[in-house]
N, C-alpha and C. Protein backbone atom coordinates (compact mmCIF):
# COMPACT_ATOMS: atom_id res chain seq x y z
N MET A 1 36.07 119.78 132.31
CA MET A 1 36.38 120.74 131.28
C MET A 1 35.05 121.11 130.58
N ASP A 2 34.85 122.40 130.37
CA ASP A 2 33.62 122.84 129.72
C ASP A 2 33.66 122.56 128.21
N ALA A 3 32.52 122.68 127.57
CA ALA A 3 32.39 122.32 126.14
C ALA A 3 33.29 123.18 125.24
N ILE A 4 33.42 124.48 125.53
CA ILE A 4 34.24 125.34 124.70
C ILE A 4 35.71 124.97 124.86
N SER A 5 36.14 124.62 126.06
CA SER A 5 37.53 124.19 126.28
C SER A 5 37.83 122.90 125.51
N THR A 6 36.88 121.99 125.50
CA THR A 6 37.03 120.74 124.76
C THR A 6 37.15 121.02 123.27
N GLU A 7 36.29 121.93 122.77
CA GLU A 7 36.36 122.33 121.37
C GLU A 7 37.74 122.96 121.03
N ALA A 8 38.25 123.75 121.99
CA ALA A 8 39.53 124.41 121.78
C ALA A 8 40.66 123.40 121.66
N VAL A 9 40.68 122.38 122.50
CA VAL A 9 41.73 121.35 122.44
C VAL A 9 41.61 120.58 121.13
N ASN A 10 40.38 120.25 120.72
CA ASN A 10 40.17 119.54 119.46
C ASN A 10 40.60 120.42 118.26
N ALA A 11 40.32 121.72 118.33
CA ALA A 11 40.71 122.62 117.24
C ALA A 11 42.23 122.73 117.15
N LEU A 12 42.91 122.71 118.28
CA LEU A 12 44.39 122.73 118.27
C LEU A 12 44.94 121.48 117.60
N GLN A 13 44.35 120.34 117.90
CA GLN A 13 44.78 119.08 117.26
C GLN A 13 44.55 119.16 115.74
N LEU A 14 43.43 119.68 115.32
CA LEU A 14 43.18 119.81 113.86
C LEU A 14 44.14 120.78 113.22
N ALA A 15 44.44 121.89 113.90
CA ALA A 15 45.37 122.88 113.36
C ALA A 15 46.77 122.26 113.17
N ILE A 16 47.26 121.55 114.16
CA ILE A 16 48.59 120.92 114.10
C ILE A 16 48.58 119.87 113.01
N THR A 17 47.57 119.04 112.97
CA THR A 17 47.46 117.98 111.95
C THR A 17 47.46 118.59 110.55
N GLY A 18 46.76 119.72 110.37
CA GLY A 18 46.69 120.37 109.08
C GLY A 18 48.02 120.94 108.61
N LEU A 19 48.92 121.21 109.54
CA LEU A 19 50.24 121.74 109.19
C LEU A 19 51.29 120.67 108.84
N LEU A 20 50.98 119.42 109.18
CA LEU A 20 51.92 118.35 108.93
C LEU A 20 52.18 118.16 107.45
N PRO A 21 53.37 117.74 107.09
CA PRO A 21 53.66 117.53 105.68
C PRO A 21 52.91 116.32 105.14
N PRO A 22 52.71 116.29 103.79
CA PRO A 22 52.01 115.12 103.21
C PRO A 22 52.81 113.84 103.46
N VAL A 23 52.09 112.77 103.57
CA VAL A 23 52.73 111.47 103.83
C VAL A 23 53.08 110.82 102.49
N ALA A 24 54.30 110.37 102.39
CA ALA A 24 54.78 109.65 101.19
C ALA A 24 55.41 108.34 101.64
N ALA A 25 55.12 107.28 100.89
CA ALA A 25 55.70 105.98 101.25
C ALA A 25 57.20 106.06 101.22
N PRO A 26 57.90 105.42 102.08
CA PRO A 26 57.49 104.46 103.10
C PRO A 26 57.24 105.11 104.49
N VAL A 27 56.70 106.31 104.51
CA VAL A 27 56.36 106.99 105.75
C VAL A 27 54.91 106.71 106.06
N LEU A 28 54.62 106.45 107.29
CA LEU A 28 53.26 106.20 107.74
C LEU A 28 52.69 107.54 108.33
N PRO A 29 51.39 107.67 108.41
CA PRO A 29 50.83 108.89 108.96
C PRO A 29 51.29 109.14 110.40
N SER A 30 51.59 110.41 110.70
CA SER A 30 51.97 110.75 112.06
C SER A 30 50.74 110.79 112.94
N VAL A 31 50.98 110.59 114.24
CA VAL A 31 49.89 110.60 115.21
C VAL A 31 50.12 111.80 116.15
N VAL A 32 49.10 112.66 116.29
CA VAL A 32 49.22 113.87 117.09
C VAL A 32 48.47 113.67 118.39
N HIS A 33 49.16 113.97 119.54
CA HIS A 33 48.52 113.93 120.86
C HIS A 33 48.66 115.34 121.46
N ILE A 34 47.56 115.82 122.05
CA ILE A 34 47.52 117.15 122.68
C ILE A 34 47.31 116.94 124.17
N TYR A 35 48.19 117.51 124.98
CA TYR A 35 48.08 117.47 126.44
C TYR A 35 48.04 118.91 126.95
N PRO A 36 46.84 119.42 127.24
CA PRO A 36 46.76 120.79 127.73
C PRO A 36 47.42 120.94 129.09
N THR A 37 48.23 121.96 129.25
CA THR A 37 48.85 122.27 130.54
C THR A 37 48.11 123.38 131.23
N GLN A 38 47.42 124.21 130.46
CA GLN A 38 46.62 125.27 131.06
C GLN A 38 45.55 125.73 130.02
N ILE A 39 44.34 125.94 130.51
CA ILE A 39 43.28 126.46 129.68
C ILE A 39 42.69 127.66 130.43
N ALA A 40 42.66 128.80 129.75
CA ALA A 40 42.13 130.02 130.38
C ALA A 40 41.14 130.68 129.44
N THR A 41 40.22 131.43 130.02
CA THR A 41 39.29 132.18 129.20
C THR A 41 40.01 133.41 128.64
N THR A 42 39.59 133.85 127.49
CA THR A 42 40.14 135.07 126.88
C THR A 42 39.07 136.16 127.01
N GLY A 43 39.48 137.38 126.82
CA GLY A 43 38.57 138.49 126.96
C GLY A 43 38.14 138.68 128.39
N ILE A 44 36.89 139.02 128.61
CA ILE A 44 36.35 139.21 129.97
C ILE A 44 35.49 138.02 130.30
N GLY A 45 36.04 137.11 131.09
CA GLY A 45 35.30 135.91 131.45
C GLY A 45 34.93 135.03 130.30
N GLY A 46 35.73 135.04 129.27
CA GLY A 46 35.44 134.22 128.10
C GLY A 46 34.72 134.98 126.98
N PHE A 47 34.19 136.16 127.27
CA PHE A 47 33.51 136.96 126.28
C PHE A 47 34.53 137.80 125.53
N VAL A 48 34.60 137.62 124.21
CA VAL A 48 35.58 138.32 123.40
C VAL A 48 34.94 139.51 122.64
N GLY A 49 33.71 139.32 122.18
CA GLY A 49 33.04 140.38 121.43
C GLY A 49 31.74 139.89 120.89
N ILE A 50 31.14 140.74 120.03
CA ILE A 50 29.87 140.42 119.37
C ILE A 50 30.12 140.13 117.92
N ASN A 51 29.62 139.01 117.47
CA ASN A 51 29.69 138.67 116.04
C ASN A 51 28.48 139.29 115.36
N GLN A 52 28.66 139.77 114.15
CA GLN A 52 27.56 140.45 113.42
C GLN A 52 26.67 139.53 112.62
N ASN A 53 27.24 138.44 112.06
CA ASN A 53 26.44 137.56 111.22
C ASN A 53 26.86 136.14 111.41
N PRO A 54 26.15 135.27 112.08
CA PRO A 54 24.94 135.58 112.83
C PRO A 54 25.30 136.35 114.10
N ILE A 55 24.38 137.17 114.52
CA ILE A 55 24.65 137.99 115.71
C ILE A 55 24.69 137.14 116.97
N GLY A 56 25.63 137.37 117.79
CA GLY A 56 25.77 136.64 119.03
C GLY A 56 27.16 136.85 119.63
N GLU A 57 27.37 136.23 120.77
CA GLU A 57 28.62 136.40 121.49
C GLU A 57 29.73 135.49 120.89
N ILE A 58 30.92 136.10 120.83
CA ILE A 58 32.13 135.34 120.49
C ILE A 58 32.78 134.98 121.83
N LYS A 59 33.03 133.73 122.05
CA LYS A 59 33.65 133.27 123.30
C LYS A 59 35.03 132.70 122.97
N GLY A 60 35.94 132.82 123.90
CA GLY A 60 37.30 132.39 123.60
C GLY A 60 37.97 131.62 124.73
N ARG A 61 38.95 130.82 124.31
CA ARG A 61 39.80 130.10 125.25
C ARG A 61 41.25 130.18 124.75
N ARG A 62 42.15 130.24 125.69
CA ARG A 62 43.56 130.20 125.34
C ARG A 62 44.13 128.93 125.96
N VAL A 63 44.76 128.09 125.12
CA VAL A 63 45.25 126.79 125.54
C VAL A 63 46.77 126.77 125.44
N SER A 64 47.43 126.48 126.58
CA SER A 64 48.86 126.15 126.57
C SER A 64 48.89 124.63 126.59
N ALA A 65 49.70 124.04 125.71
CA ALA A 65 49.68 122.60 125.61
C ALA A 65 51.04 122.02 125.21
N LYS A 66 51.20 120.78 125.60
CA LYS A 66 52.33 119.98 125.12
C LYS A 66 51.78 119.18 123.95
N VAL A 67 52.44 119.27 122.83
CA VAL A 67 52.01 118.56 121.61
C VAL A 67 53.05 117.45 121.33
N LEU A 68 52.56 116.25 121.30
CA LEU A 68 53.42 115.10 120.99
C LEU A 68 53.04 114.58 119.64
N ILE A 69 54.03 114.40 118.79
CA ILE A 69 53.80 113.87 117.46
C ILE A 69 54.64 112.63 117.28
N ASP A 70 54.00 111.52 117.06
CA ASP A 70 54.68 110.26 116.78
C ASP A 70 54.87 110.17 115.27
N VAL A 71 56.10 110.34 114.82
CA VAL A 71 56.42 110.27 113.39
C VAL A 71 56.85 108.83 113.13
N ARG A 72 56.24 108.19 112.12
CA ARG A 72 56.50 106.77 111.87
C ARG A 72 56.92 106.52 110.41
N ALA A 73 57.68 105.48 110.22
CA ALA A 73 58.11 105.09 108.87
C ALA A 73 58.47 103.60 108.88
N THR A 74 58.73 103.09 107.70
CA THR A 74 59.09 101.67 107.64
C THR A 74 60.60 101.45 107.68
N THR A 75 61.37 102.48 107.38
CA THR A 75 62.85 102.36 107.44
C THR A 75 63.42 103.52 108.26
N ALA A 76 64.63 103.31 108.77
CA ALA A 76 65.30 104.33 109.57
C ALA A 76 65.58 105.59 108.74
N GLU A 77 65.96 105.38 107.50
CA GLU A 77 66.27 106.52 106.62
C GLU A 77 65.02 107.36 106.35
N ALA A 78 63.92 106.65 106.05
CA ALA A 78 62.67 107.37 105.80
C ALA A 78 62.20 108.10 107.05
N LEU A 79 62.45 107.48 108.24
CA LEU A 79 62.02 108.12 109.49
C LEU A 79 62.81 109.43 109.70
N ASP A 80 64.10 109.42 109.48
CA ASP A 80 64.90 110.64 109.65
C ASP A 80 64.42 111.76 108.73
N THR A 81 64.08 111.41 107.49
CA THR A 81 63.55 112.39 106.55
C THR A 81 62.21 112.89 107.02
N ALA A 82 61.36 112.01 107.50
CA ALA A 82 59.99 112.40 107.95
C ALA A 82 60.07 113.31 109.18
N VAL A 83 60.97 113.04 110.09
CA VAL A 83 61.13 113.89 111.29
C VAL A 83 61.61 115.28 110.87
N SER A 84 62.56 115.31 109.97
CA SER A 84 63.07 116.61 109.49
C SER A 84 61.95 117.40 108.78
N ASN A 85 61.21 116.71 107.92
CA ASN A 85 60.12 117.35 107.18
C ASN A 85 59.02 117.88 108.12
N THR A 86 58.76 117.12 109.19
CA THR A 86 57.75 117.53 110.16
C THR A 86 58.21 118.79 110.91
N ALA A 87 59.47 118.81 111.34
CA ALA A 87 59.97 119.99 112.03
C ALA A 87 59.94 121.21 111.13
N VAL A 88 60.34 121.05 109.88
CA VAL A 88 60.35 122.18 108.95
C VAL A 88 58.94 122.67 108.71
N ALA A 89 58.01 121.74 108.50
CA ALA A 89 56.61 122.13 108.19
C ALA A 89 55.98 122.92 109.34
N LEU A 90 56.27 122.51 110.57
CA LEU A 90 55.67 123.19 111.71
C LEU A 90 56.37 124.49 112.09
N LEU A 91 57.72 124.46 112.01
CA LEU A 91 58.46 125.60 112.49
C LEU A 91 58.73 126.66 111.45
N ALA A 92 58.65 126.29 110.17
CA ALA A 92 58.90 127.25 109.10
C ALA A 92 57.60 127.84 108.52
N ALA A 93 56.47 127.45 109.12
CA ALA A 93 55.21 128.01 108.63
C ALA A 93 55.22 129.50 108.93
N ASP A 94 54.71 130.26 107.96
CA ASP A 94 54.75 131.71 108.14
C ASP A 94 53.80 132.13 109.25
N ARG A 95 54.12 133.24 109.86
CA ARG A 95 53.37 133.75 111.02
C ARG A 95 51.88 133.96 110.71
N ALA A 96 51.56 134.43 109.53
CA ALA A 96 50.17 134.67 109.15
C ALA A 96 49.37 133.37 109.13
N THR A 97 50.00 132.30 108.60
CA THR A 97 49.31 130.99 108.54
C THR A 97 49.05 130.48 109.95
N LEU A 98 50.06 130.58 110.82
CA LEU A 98 49.92 130.09 112.20
C LEU A 98 48.83 130.88 112.92
N THR A 99 48.88 132.20 112.79
CA THR A 99 47.90 133.03 113.47
C THR A 99 46.49 132.79 112.96
N GLN A 100 46.34 132.57 111.67
CA GLN A 100 45.04 132.27 111.09
C GLN A 100 44.50 130.96 111.65
N GLN A 101 45.38 130.03 111.94
CA GLN A 101 44.97 128.74 112.54
C GLN A 101 44.72 128.87 114.04
N GLY A 102 45.12 130.01 114.65
CA GLY A 102 44.94 130.20 116.09
C GLY A 102 46.19 129.90 116.89
N ILE A 103 47.26 129.51 116.20
CA ILE A 103 48.52 129.17 116.90
C ILE A 103 49.33 130.43 117.14
N LEU A 104 49.46 130.79 118.38
CA LEU A 104 50.19 132.01 118.73
C LEU A 104 51.69 131.74 118.94
N ARG A 105 51.97 130.56 119.41
CA ARG A 105 53.39 130.20 119.65
C ARG A 105 53.52 128.66 119.46
N LEU A 106 54.62 128.26 118.81
CA LEU A 106 54.92 126.86 118.61
C LEU A 106 56.43 126.67 118.63
N ALA A 107 56.90 125.83 119.56
CA ALA A 107 58.34 125.64 119.71
C ALA A 107 58.65 124.17 119.87
N LEU A 108 59.74 123.73 119.26
CA LEU A 108 60.19 122.35 119.33
C LEU A 108 60.84 122.14 120.70
N GLY A 109 60.44 121.11 121.42
CA GLY A 109 61.04 120.81 122.70
C GLY A 109 62.18 119.81 122.53
N GLU A 110 61.84 118.61 122.10
CA GLU A 110 62.87 117.59 121.92
C GLU A 110 62.38 116.54 120.92
N VAL A 111 63.32 115.80 120.38
CA VAL A 111 63.04 114.68 119.52
C VAL A 111 63.55 113.46 120.23
N GLY A 112 62.67 112.49 120.44
CA GLY A 112 63.03 111.27 121.16
C GLY A 112 63.90 110.35 120.35
N GLU A 113 64.30 109.30 121.00
CA GLU A 113 65.09 108.24 120.36
C GLU A 113 64.23 107.41 119.45
N ARG A 114 64.85 106.81 118.48
CA ARG A 114 64.15 105.92 117.57
C ARG A 114 63.72 104.67 118.32
N SER A 115 62.47 104.23 118.07
CA SER A 115 62.00 103.01 118.68
C SER A 115 61.35 102.13 117.58
N VAL A 116 61.34 100.87 117.82
CA VAL A 116 60.77 99.90 116.87
C VAL A 116 59.45 99.41 117.44
N VAL A 117 58.44 99.43 116.59
CA VAL A 117 57.08 99.01 116.99
C VAL A 117 56.66 97.87 116.06
N GLY A 118 56.05 96.83 116.65
CA GLY A 118 55.57 95.72 115.85
C GLY A 118 56.61 94.62 115.71
N ALA A 119 56.23 93.63 114.92
CA ALA A 119 57.12 92.49 114.70
C ALA A 119 56.91 91.92 113.33
N GLY A 120 57.93 91.24 112.84
CA GLY A 120 57.84 90.58 111.54
C GLY A 120 57.75 91.59 110.39
N ALA A 121 56.80 91.35 109.49
CA ALA A 121 56.65 92.24 108.34
C ALA A 121 55.95 93.53 108.69
N ASP A 122 55.35 93.60 109.90
CA ASP A 122 54.65 94.82 110.32
C ASP A 122 55.50 95.74 111.19
N VAL A 123 56.83 95.66 111.05
CA VAL A 123 57.71 96.49 111.87
C VAL A 123 57.72 97.92 111.33
N THR A 124 57.57 98.85 112.26
CA THR A 124 57.70 100.27 111.92
C THR A 124 58.68 100.89 112.92
N VAL A 125 59.32 101.96 112.50
CA VAL A 125 60.19 102.72 113.39
C VAL A 125 59.53 104.05 113.63
N GLN A 126 59.74 104.63 114.82
CA GLN A 126 59.10 105.88 115.09
C GLN A 126 59.96 106.72 116.06
N LYS A 127 59.73 108.03 115.99
CA LYS A 127 60.33 108.97 116.93
C LYS A 127 59.22 109.86 117.41
N ARG A 128 59.29 110.23 118.67
CA ARG A 128 58.32 111.16 119.23
C ARG A 128 58.94 112.54 119.30
N MET A 129 58.22 113.51 118.67
CA MET A 129 58.64 114.90 118.70
C MET A 129 57.76 115.62 119.71
N THR A 130 58.36 116.47 120.56
CA THR A 130 57.62 117.21 121.55
C THR A 130 57.68 118.71 121.23
N PHE A 131 56.52 119.34 121.20
CA PHE A 131 56.41 120.77 120.97
C PHE A 131 55.66 121.40 122.11
N SER A 132 55.88 122.68 122.33
CA SER A 132 54.99 123.44 123.21
C SER A 132 54.22 124.41 122.33
N ALA A 133 52.95 124.59 122.68
CA ALA A 133 52.08 125.43 121.84
C ALA A 133 51.25 126.36 122.71
N LEU A 134 50.97 127.53 122.18
CA LEU A 134 50.00 128.45 122.76
C LEU A 134 48.95 128.69 121.66
N PHE A 135 47.73 128.41 121.96
CA PHE A 135 46.65 128.41 120.98
C PHE A 135 45.48 129.24 121.47
N GLU A 136 44.90 130.03 120.58
CA GLU A 136 43.71 130.80 120.96
C GLU A 136 42.54 130.32 120.10
N PHE A 137 41.47 129.99 120.76
CA PHE A 137 40.27 129.48 120.08
C PHE A 137 39.15 130.47 120.28
N LEU A 138 38.52 130.85 119.17
CA LEU A 138 37.35 131.75 119.22
C LEU A 138 36.14 130.97 118.71
N LYS A 139 35.13 130.89 119.55
CA LYS A 139 33.89 130.18 119.15
C LYS A 139 32.87 131.20 118.73
N LEU A 140 32.54 131.15 117.45
CA LEU A 140 31.52 132.03 116.88
C LEU A 140 30.14 131.41 117.12
N PRO A 141 29.12 132.24 117.23
CA PRO A 141 27.77 131.70 117.42
C PRO A 141 27.32 130.95 116.18
N ALA A 142 26.61 129.87 116.38
CA ALA A 142 26.08 129.11 115.23
C ALA A 142 24.83 129.74 114.70
N ASP A 143 23.95 130.23 115.56
CA ASP A 143 22.70 130.89 115.20
C ASP A 143 22.59 132.18 115.99
N GLY A 144 21.71 133.06 115.56
CA GLY A 144 21.45 134.25 116.35
C GLY A 144 21.05 133.88 117.76
N GLU A 145 21.55 134.60 118.74
CA GLU A 145 21.33 134.22 120.14
C GLU A 145 20.25 135.10 120.76
N GLY A 146 19.00 134.73 120.61
CA GLY A 146 17.91 135.39 121.29
C GLY A 146 17.73 136.84 120.89
N VAL A 147 17.95 137.17 119.67
CA VAL A 147 17.81 138.55 119.22
C VAL A 147 16.37 138.75 118.77
N ILE A 148 15.78 139.83 119.25
CA ILE A 148 14.40 140.15 118.86
C ILE A 148 14.50 140.82 117.49
N ARG A 149 13.94 140.18 116.52
CA ARG A 149 14.02 140.67 115.12
C ARG A 149 12.89 141.63 114.81
N GLN A 150 11.70 141.41 115.44
CA GLN A 150 10.54 142.24 115.14
C GLN A 150 9.67 142.36 116.36
N ILE A 151 9.14 143.57 116.60
CA ILE A 151 8.24 143.77 117.71
C ILE A 151 6.86 144.10 117.13
N PRO A 152 5.86 143.30 117.48
CA PRO A 152 4.52 143.59 116.97
C PRO A 152 4.03 144.97 117.47
N ILE A 153 3.44 145.74 116.59
CA ILE A 153 3.01 147.08 116.91
C ILE A 153 1.63 147.06 117.58
N ASN A 154 0.77 146.21 117.13
CA ASN A 154 -0.60 146.22 117.66
C ASN A 154 -0.82 145.16 118.72
N ILE A 155 -0.21 145.35 119.87
CA ILE A 155 -0.37 144.45 120.98
C ILE A 155 -1.55 144.97 121.79
N ASN A 156 -2.53 144.13 122.04
CA ASN A 156 -3.70 144.54 122.88
C ASN A 156 -3.45 144.14 124.32
N ALA A 157 -3.42 145.11 125.17
CA ALA A 157 -3.23 144.87 126.60
C ALA A 157 -4.59 144.47 127.18
N GLN A 158 -4.67 143.41 127.92
CA GLN A 158 -5.92 142.97 128.50
C GLN A 158 -5.85 142.90 129.98
């Protein structure tokens, strides 16, 4: 996988994580896993356009992915609430917010069965939520890309 594709998958994970609801006790932080099913270049061979400041090429990738979110809590009741809150946060986000994050499509696939993790006082319950996502990543240039800013006028040919 090329560097831009890797950045795209990481950006999708950050976008999904940023949409998750805040964690409140006795809920534990959710864990997000991204499994790309297809990565394609956008535009013409990955070239999307020219950025003006800094000047350079904008390159893009489109990622289709399976998104797995492990929602965890300390009690079954808290887990059910956390799963519901997670679904609402991701699926009820307005279109403008999703598009701004690069998420073109997000759909809930299934919610797994409750499972118990750990033992003794460290027992947690969790459910795995599966989503499908279509994500577009645009990589802007960090610095100007080889642009000639000034041409010396008095060049002596020898």
